[in-house]
Amino acid sequence: MIKANCHCGAVQLEVTSAPESVSLCNCSICKRLGGLWAYYDPARVVLLSDKDALDSYIWGDKMIQICRCGTCGCTTHWESIDPELTGRMGINARMMSDIDLDRIPVCHVDGASF
């Protein structure tokens, strides 16, 4: 199991495996957040923390909810809020302390063009 957590530890998630690759997106929010997104089926992700520890941000076309720790502010993941896009969520791989990000391929996503 791979754990992901914010800086203060109030938000913790667990996934069954390390990401095979991560995405670096240049859309207006991702370039500001600086996240490296590892994609998972939501059924493979366990939120180990109380949902009250989370704060969220919904923007633009209101398809995803970006989640962050309400205490330290680290962006931990995003979830789909569009009922037609519920099969994928993004975990910020920068929150996964048990993996070596230098060994994981980075896919550059041109989200600014969408």
N, C-alpha and C. Protein backbone atom coordinates (compact mmCIF):
# COMPACT_ATOMS: atom_id res chain seq x y z
N MET A 1 0.83 -1.18 0.00
CA MET A 1 0.00 0.00 0.00
C MET A 1 0.88 1.25 0.00
N ILE A 2 0.44 2.25 -0.70
CA ILE A 2 1.14 3.52 -0.78
C ILE A 2 0.27 4.56 -0.08
N LYS A 3 0.87 5.28 0.84
CA LYS A 3 0.15 6.34 1.55
C LYS A 3 0.53 7.70 1.00
N ALA A 4 -0.45 8.58 1.01
CA ALA A 4 -0.25 9.98 0.63
C ALA A 4 -0.81 10.81 1.78
N ASN A 5 -0.09 11.83 2.17
CA ASN A 5 -0.60 12.69 3.23
C ASN A 5 -0.11 14.12 3.05
N CYS A 6 -0.90 15.03 3.61
CA CYS A 6 -0.53 16.45 3.57
C CYS A 6 0.62 16.69 4.55
N HIS A 7 1.09 17.91 4.62
CA HIS A 7 2.24 18.24 5.46
C HIS A 7 1.98 17.99 6.94
N CYS A 8 0.80 18.37 7.42
CA CYS A 8 0.51 18.21 8.86
C CYS A 8 -0.03 16.84 9.22
N GLY A 9 -0.42 16.05 8.21
CA GLY A 9 -0.91 14.70 8.46
C GLY A 9 -2.41 14.60 8.71
N ALA A 10 -3.12 15.71 8.67
CA ALA A 10 -4.56 15.68 8.92
C ALA A 10 -5.32 14.96 7.80
N VAL A 11 -4.79 15.02 6.56
CA VAL A 11 -5.41 14.32 5.43
C VAL A 11 -4.48 13.21 5.00
N GLN A 12 -5.00 12.00 4.99
CA GLN A 12 -4.23 10.82 4.59
C GLN A 12 -5.08 9.97 3.66
N LEU A 13 -4.43 9.51 2.59
CA LEU A 13 -5.07 8.62 1.63
C LEU A 13 -4.18 7.40 1.45
N GLU A 14 -4.77 6.34 0.93
CA GLU A 14 -4.01 5.11 0.68
C GLU A 14 -4.46 4.54 -0.66
N VAL A 15 -3.49 4.10 -1.45
CA VAL A 15 -3.76 3.45 -2.73
C VAL A 15 -3.02 2.11 -2.75
N THR A 16 -3.45 1.22 -3.62
CA THR A 16 -2.89 -0.13 -3.63
C THR A 16 -1.52 -0.22 -4.27
N SER A 17 -1.18 0.74 -5.14
CA SER A 17 0.10 0.64 -5.84
C SER A 17 0.65 2.03 -6.18
N ALA A 18 1.94 2.07 -6.40
CA ALA A 18 2.59 3.32 -6.83
C ALA A 18 2.13 3.64 -8.26
N PRO A 19 2.13 4.91 -8.61
CA PRO A 19 1.73 5.25 -9.98
C PRO A 19 2.78 4.80 -10.99
N GLU A 20 2.32 4.37 -12.16
CA GLU A 20 3.24 4.00 -13.23
C GLU A 20 3.75 5.25 -13.95
N SER A 21 2.95 6.31 -13.92
CA SER A 21 3.34 7.60 -14.49
C SER A 21 2.54 8.67 -13.75
N VAL A 22 2.95 9.91 -13.92
CA VAL A 22 2.23 11.05 -13.35
C VAL A 22 2.06 12.11 -14.43
N SER A 23 1.08 12.96 -14.25
CA SER A 23 0.81 14.02 -15.22
C SER A 23 1.11 15.38 -14.61
N LEU A 24 1.73 16.21 -15.41
CA LEU A 24 1.99 17.60 -15.06
C LEU A 24 1.18 18.44 -16.03
N CYS A 25 0.15 19.09 -15.52
CA CYS A 25 -0.79 19.82 -16.36
C CYS A 25 -0.49 21.32 -16.30
N ASN A 26 -0.71 22.01 -17.41
CA ASN A 26 -0.45 23.45 -17.46
C ASN A 26 -1.73 24.28 -17.50
N CYS A 27 -2.86 23.68 -17.08
CA CYS A 27 -4.09 24.49 -17.03
C CYS A 27 -3.94 25.56 -15.95
N SER A 28 -4.86 26.48 -15.91
CA SER A 28 -4.71 27.64 -15.04
C SER A 28 -4.61 27.28 -13.55
N ILE A 29 -5.29 26.23 -13.10
CA ILE A 29 -5.21 25.87 -11.69
C ILE A 29 -4.03 24.94 -11.41
N CYS A 30 -3.81 23.95 -12.26
CA CYS A 30 -2.73 22.98 -12.01
C CYS A 30 -1.35 23.63 -12.02
N LYS A 31 -1.13 24.60 -12.91
CA LYS A 31 0.18 25.23 -12.93
C LYS A 31 0.43 26.05 -11.67
N ARG A 32 -0.63 26.51 -11.03
CA ARG A 32 -0.48 27.23 -9.77
C ARG A 32 -0.32 26.28 -8.59
N LEU A 33 -1.00 25.14 -8.64
CA LEU A 33 -0.90 24.16 -7.56
C LEU A 33 0.43 23.40 -7.59
N GLY A 34 0.93 23.14 -8.78
CA GLY A 34 2.19 22.41 -8.91
C GLY A 34 2.09 20.92 -8.62
N GLY A 35 0.90 20.38 -8.70
CA GLY A 35 0.72 18.95 -8.42
C GLY A 35 1.23 18.06 -9.54
N LEU A 36 1.63 16.87 -9.17
CA LEU A 36 1.92 15.80 -10.12
C LEU A 36 0.82 14.76 -9.91
N TRP A 37 -0.05 14.63 -10.90
CA TRP A 37 -1.26 13.85 -10.72
C TRP A 37 -1.08 12.39 -11.11
N ALA A 38 -1.36 11.52 -10.16
CA ALA A 38 -1.41 10.07 -10.38
C ALA A 38 -2.88 9.70 -10.42
N TYR A 39 -3.30 9.01 -11.46
CA TYR A 39 -4.72 8.73 -11.66
C TYR A 39 -5.07 7.33 -11.16
N TYR A 40 -6.20 7.25 -10.46
CA TYR A 40 -6.67 5.99 -9.90
C TYR A 40 -8.19 5.90 -10.05
N ASP A 41 -8.66 4.66 -10.08
CA ASP A 41 -10.09 4.41 -9.95
C ASP A 41 -10.44 4.75 -8.51
N PRO A 42 -11.47 5.56 -8.28
CA PRO A 42 -11.82 5.92 -6.90
C PRO A 42 -12.03 4.73 -5.97
N ALA A 43 -12.42 3.58 -6.53
CA ALA A 43 -12.61 2.38 -5.71
C ALA A 43 -11.30 1.86 -5.14
N ARG A 44 -10.16 2.28 -5.73
CA ARG A 44 -8.83 1.85 -5.26
C ARG A 44 -8.22 2.83 -4.27
N VAL A 45 -8.92 3.90 -3.94
CA VAL A 45 -8.40 4.93 -3.04
C VAL A 45 -9.20 4.92 -1.74
N VAL A 46 -8.47 4.93 -0.63
CA VAL A 46 -9.12 4.97 0.68
C VAL A 46 -8.74 6.27 1.37
N LEU A 47 -9.72 7.04 1.76
CA LEU A 47 -9.48 8.24 2.56
C LEU A 47 -9.43 7.79 4.01
N LEU A 48 -8.25 7.89 4.63
CA LEU A 48 -8.05 7.42 6.00
C LEU A 48 -8.43 8.48 7.03
N SER A 49 -8.66 9.68 6.58
CA SER A 49 -8.96 10.81 7.47
C SER A 49 -10.44 11.12 7.45
N ASP A 50 -10.86 11.88 8.40
CA ASP A 50 -12.23 12.36 8.46
C ASP A 50 -12.43 13.38 7.34
N LYS A 51 -13.54 13.29 6.64
CA LYS A 51 -13.82 14.24 5.56
C LYS A 51 -13.85 15.68 6.05
N ASP A 52 -14.07 15.88 7.34
CA ASP A 52 -14.07 17.24 7.90
C ASP A 52 -12.70 17.90 7.85
N ALA A 53 -11.64 17.10 7.64
CA ALA A 53 -10.28 17.65 7.54
C ALA A 53 -10.05 18.32 6.18
N LEU A 54 -10.94 18.05 5.22
CA LEU A 54 -10.78 18.54 3.86
C LEU A 54 -11.47 19.87 3.63
N ASP A 55 -10.86 20.64 2.76
CA ASP A 55 -11.46 21.84 2.20
C ASP A 55 -11.43 21.60 0.69
N SER A 56 -12.31 22.20 -0.06
CA SER A 56 -12.30 21.94 -1.50
C SER A 56 -12.56 23.20 -2.31
N TYR A 57 -12.23 23.09 -3.58
CA TYR A 57 -12.39 24.20 -4.51
C TYR A 57 -12.98 23.63 -5.80
N ILE A 58 -14.05 24.24 -6.26
CA ILE A 58 -14.68 23.84 -7.52
C ILE A 58 -14.65 25.06 -8.43
N TRP A 59 -14.20 24.86 -9.65
CA TRP A 59 -14.05 26.02 -10.52
C TRP A 59 -14.50 25.69 -11.94
N GLY A 60 -14.48 26.68 -12.79
CA GLY A 60 -14.71 26.52 -14.22
C GLY A 60 -15.96 25.76 -14.57
N ASP A 61 -15.78 24.65 -15.29
CA ASP A 61 -16.91 23.87 -15.80
C ASP A 61 -17.51 22.94 -14.75
N LYS A 62 -17.05 23.05 -13.52
CA LYS A 62 -17.58 22.32 -12.38
C LYS A 62 -17.61 20.81 -12.60
N MET A 63 -16.50 20.28 -13.13
CA MET A 63 -16.38 18.85 -13.36
C MET A 63 -15.60 18.15 -12.25
N ILE A 64 -14.68 18.90 -11.61
CA ILE A 64 -13.88 18.29 -10.55
C ILE A 64 -13.88 19.17 -9.30
N GLN A 65 -13.63 18.52 -8.20
CA GLN A 65 -13.48 19.19 -6.90
C GLN A 65 -12.04 18.96 -6.46
N ILE A 66 -11.30 20.02 -6.29
CA ILE A 66 -9.91 19.93 -5.86
C ILE A 66 -9.89 19.97 -4.34
N CYS A 67 -9.30 18.96 -3.73
CA CYS A 67 -9.33 18.81 -2.28
C CYS A 67 -7.97 19.14 -1.66
N ARG A 68 -8.03 19.82 -0.53
CA ARG A 68 -6.82 20.21 0.17
C ARG A 68 -7.07 20.08 1.67
N CYS A 69 -5.98 20.07 2.42
CA CYS A 69 -6.08 20.01 3.87
C CYS A 69 -6.59 21.35 4.38
N GLY A 70 -7.56 21.32 5.26
CA GLY A 70 -8.10 22.54 5.84
C GLY A 70 -7.17 23.18 6.85
N THR A 71 -6.13 22.45 7.27
CA THR A 71 -5.17 22.98 8.24
C THR A 71 -3.93 23.53 7.57
N CYS A 72 -3.19 22.69 6.84
CA CYS A 72 -1.92 23.14 6.25
C CYS A 72 -2.05 23.61 4.81
N GLY A 73 -3.17 23.32 4.15
CA GLY A 73 -3.41 23.82 2.81
C GLY A 73 -2.86 23.00 1.66
N CYS A 74 -2.18 21.90 1.92
CA CYS A 74 -1.62 21.07 0.85
C CYS A 74 -2.74 20.47 -0.01
N THR A 75 -2.59 20.55 -1.32
CA THR A 75 -3.54 19.94 -2.23
C THR A 75 -3.22 18.46 -2.32
N THR A 76 -4.17 17.62 -1.93
CA THR A 76 -3.92 16.19 -1.85
C THR A 76 -4.50 15.40 -3.01
N HIS A 77 -5.65 15.84 -3.53
CA HIS A 77 -6.28 15.07 -4.60
C HIS A 77 -7.42 15.86 -5.23
N TRP A 78 -7.94 15.31 -6.31
CA TRP A 78 -9.16 15.84 -6.90
C TRP A 78 -10.11 14.69 -7.15
N GLU A 79 -11.39 15.03 -7.10
CA GLU A 79 -12.46 14.06 -7.33
C GLU A 79 -13.40 14.60 -8.39
N SER A 80 -13.95 13.71 -9.20
CA SER A 80 -14.94 14.12 -10.18
C SER A 80 -16.26 14.40 -9.48
N ILE A 81 -16.92 15.47 -9.88
CA ILE A 81 -18.27 15.74 -9.39
C ILE A 81 -19.27 15.67 -10.54
N ASP A 82 -18.78 15.34 -11.73
CA ASP A 82 -19.62 15.13 -12.90
C ASP A 82 -20.03 13.66 -12.90
N PRO A 83 -21.31 13.36 -12.82
CA PRO A 83 -21.74 11.96 -12.74
C PRO A 83 -21.27 11.09 -13.90
N GLU A 84 -20.97 11.70 -15.05
CA GLU A 84 -20.51 10.92 -16.20
C GLU A 84 -19.01 10.64 -16.17
N LEU A 85 -18.28 11.24 -15.23
CA LEU A 85 -16.83 11.08 -15.17
C LEU A 85 -16.38 10.55 -13.81
N THR A 86 -17.06 9.58 -13.28
CA THR A 86 -16.76 9.12 -11.92
C THR A 86 -15.71 8.03 -11.84
N GLY A 87 -15.15 7.57 -12.94
CA GLY A 87 -14.22 6.45 -12.93
C GLY A 87 -12.77 6.81 -12.71
N ARG A 88 -12.47 8.08 -12.43
CA ARG A 88 -11.07 8.48 -12.26
C ARG A 88 -10.97 9.62 -11.27
N MET A 89 -9.91 9.56 -10.49
CA MET A 89 -9.58 10.68 -9.61
C MET A 89 -8.07 10.87 -9.64
N GLY A 90 -7.62 12.03 -9.23
CA GLY A 90 -6.19 12.32 -9.23
C GLY A 90 -5.67 12.47 -7.81
N ILE A 91 -4.58 11.79 -7.53
CA ILE A 91 -3.89 11.93 -6.25
C ILE A 91 -2.60 12.69 -6.53
N ASN A 92 -2.32 13.69 -5.73
CA ASN A 92 -1.08 14.45 -5.90
C ASN A 92 0.09 13.59 -5.44
N ALA A 93 0.84 13.09 -6.39
CA ALA A 93 1.94 12.17 -6.08
C ALA A 93 3.03 12.83 -5.23
N ARG A 94 3.06 14.15 -5.20
CA ARG A 94 4.02 14.84 -4.33
C ARG A 94 3.71 14.58 -2.86
N MET A 95 2.52 14.09 -2.55
CA MET A 95 2.14 13.77 -1.17
C MET A 95 2.50 12.33 -0.79
N MET A 96 3.03 11.55 -1.75
CA MET A 96 3.40 10.15 -1.52
C MET A 96 4.86 10.07 -1.12
N SER A 97 5.12 9.95 0.16
CA SER A 97 6.51 9.98 0.63
C SER A 97 7.25 8.67 0.39
N ASP A 98 6.54 7.57 0.11
CA ASP A 98 7.18 6.26 -0.05
C ASP A 98 7.60 5.95 -1.48
N ILE A 99 7.50 6.92 -2.38
CA ILE A 99 7.90 6.66 -3.77
C ILE A 99 9.01 7.61 -4.17
N ASP A 100 9.77 7.21 -5.19
CA ASP A 100 10.84 8.03 -5.73
C ASP A 100 10.31 8.69 -7.00
N LEU A 101 9.88 9.92 -6.91
CA LEU A 101 9.30 10.62 -8.06
C LEU A 101 10.28 10.75 -9.22
N ASP A 102 11.56 10.74 -8.95
CA ASP A 102 12.55 10.87 -10.02
C ASP A 102 12.56 9.65 -10.94
N ARG A 103 11.99 8.54 -10.50
CA ARG A 103 11.97 7.31 -11.30
C ARG A 103 10.64 7.09 -12.02
N ILE A 104 9.71 8.01 -11.85
CA ILE A 104 8.39 7.85 -12.46
C ILE A 104 8.27 8.79 -13.66
N PRO A 105 7.90 8.26 -14.83
CA PRO A 105 7.76 9.10 -16.01
C PRO A 105 6.70 10.18 -15.82
N VAL A 106 7.01 11.37 -16.34
CA VAL A 106 6.09 12.50 -16.27
C VAL A 106 5.50 12.76 -17.65
N CYS A 107 4.17 12.77 -17.72
CA CYS A 107 3.46 13.08 -18.95
C CYS A 107 3.02 14.54 -18.86
N HIS A 108 3.42 15.33 -19.82
CA HIS A 108 3.03 16.74 -19.84
C HIS A 108 1.68 16.89 -20.54
N VAL A 109 0.71 17.42 -19.83
CA VAL A 109 -0.65 17.57 -20.36
C VAL A 109 -0.90 19.03 -20.67
N ASP A 110 -1.34 19.30 -21.89
CA ASP A 110 -1.63 20.67 -22.29
C ASP A 110 -3.08 21.01 -21.95
N GLY A 111 -3.35 21.13 -20.67
CA GLY A 111 -4.70 21.47 -20.21
C GLY A 111 -5.08 22.90 -20.52
N ALA A 112 -4.10 23.76 -20.81
CA ALA A 112 -4.38 25.15 -21.14
C ALA A 112 -5.10 25.28 -22.48
N SER A 113 -5.00 24.26 -23.33
CA SER A 113 -5.62 24.31 -24.66
C SER A 113 -7.04 23.77 -24.67
N PHE A 114 -7.52 23.24 -23.56
CA PHE A 114 -8.88 22.67 -23.53
C PHE A 114 -9.90 23.73 -23.31
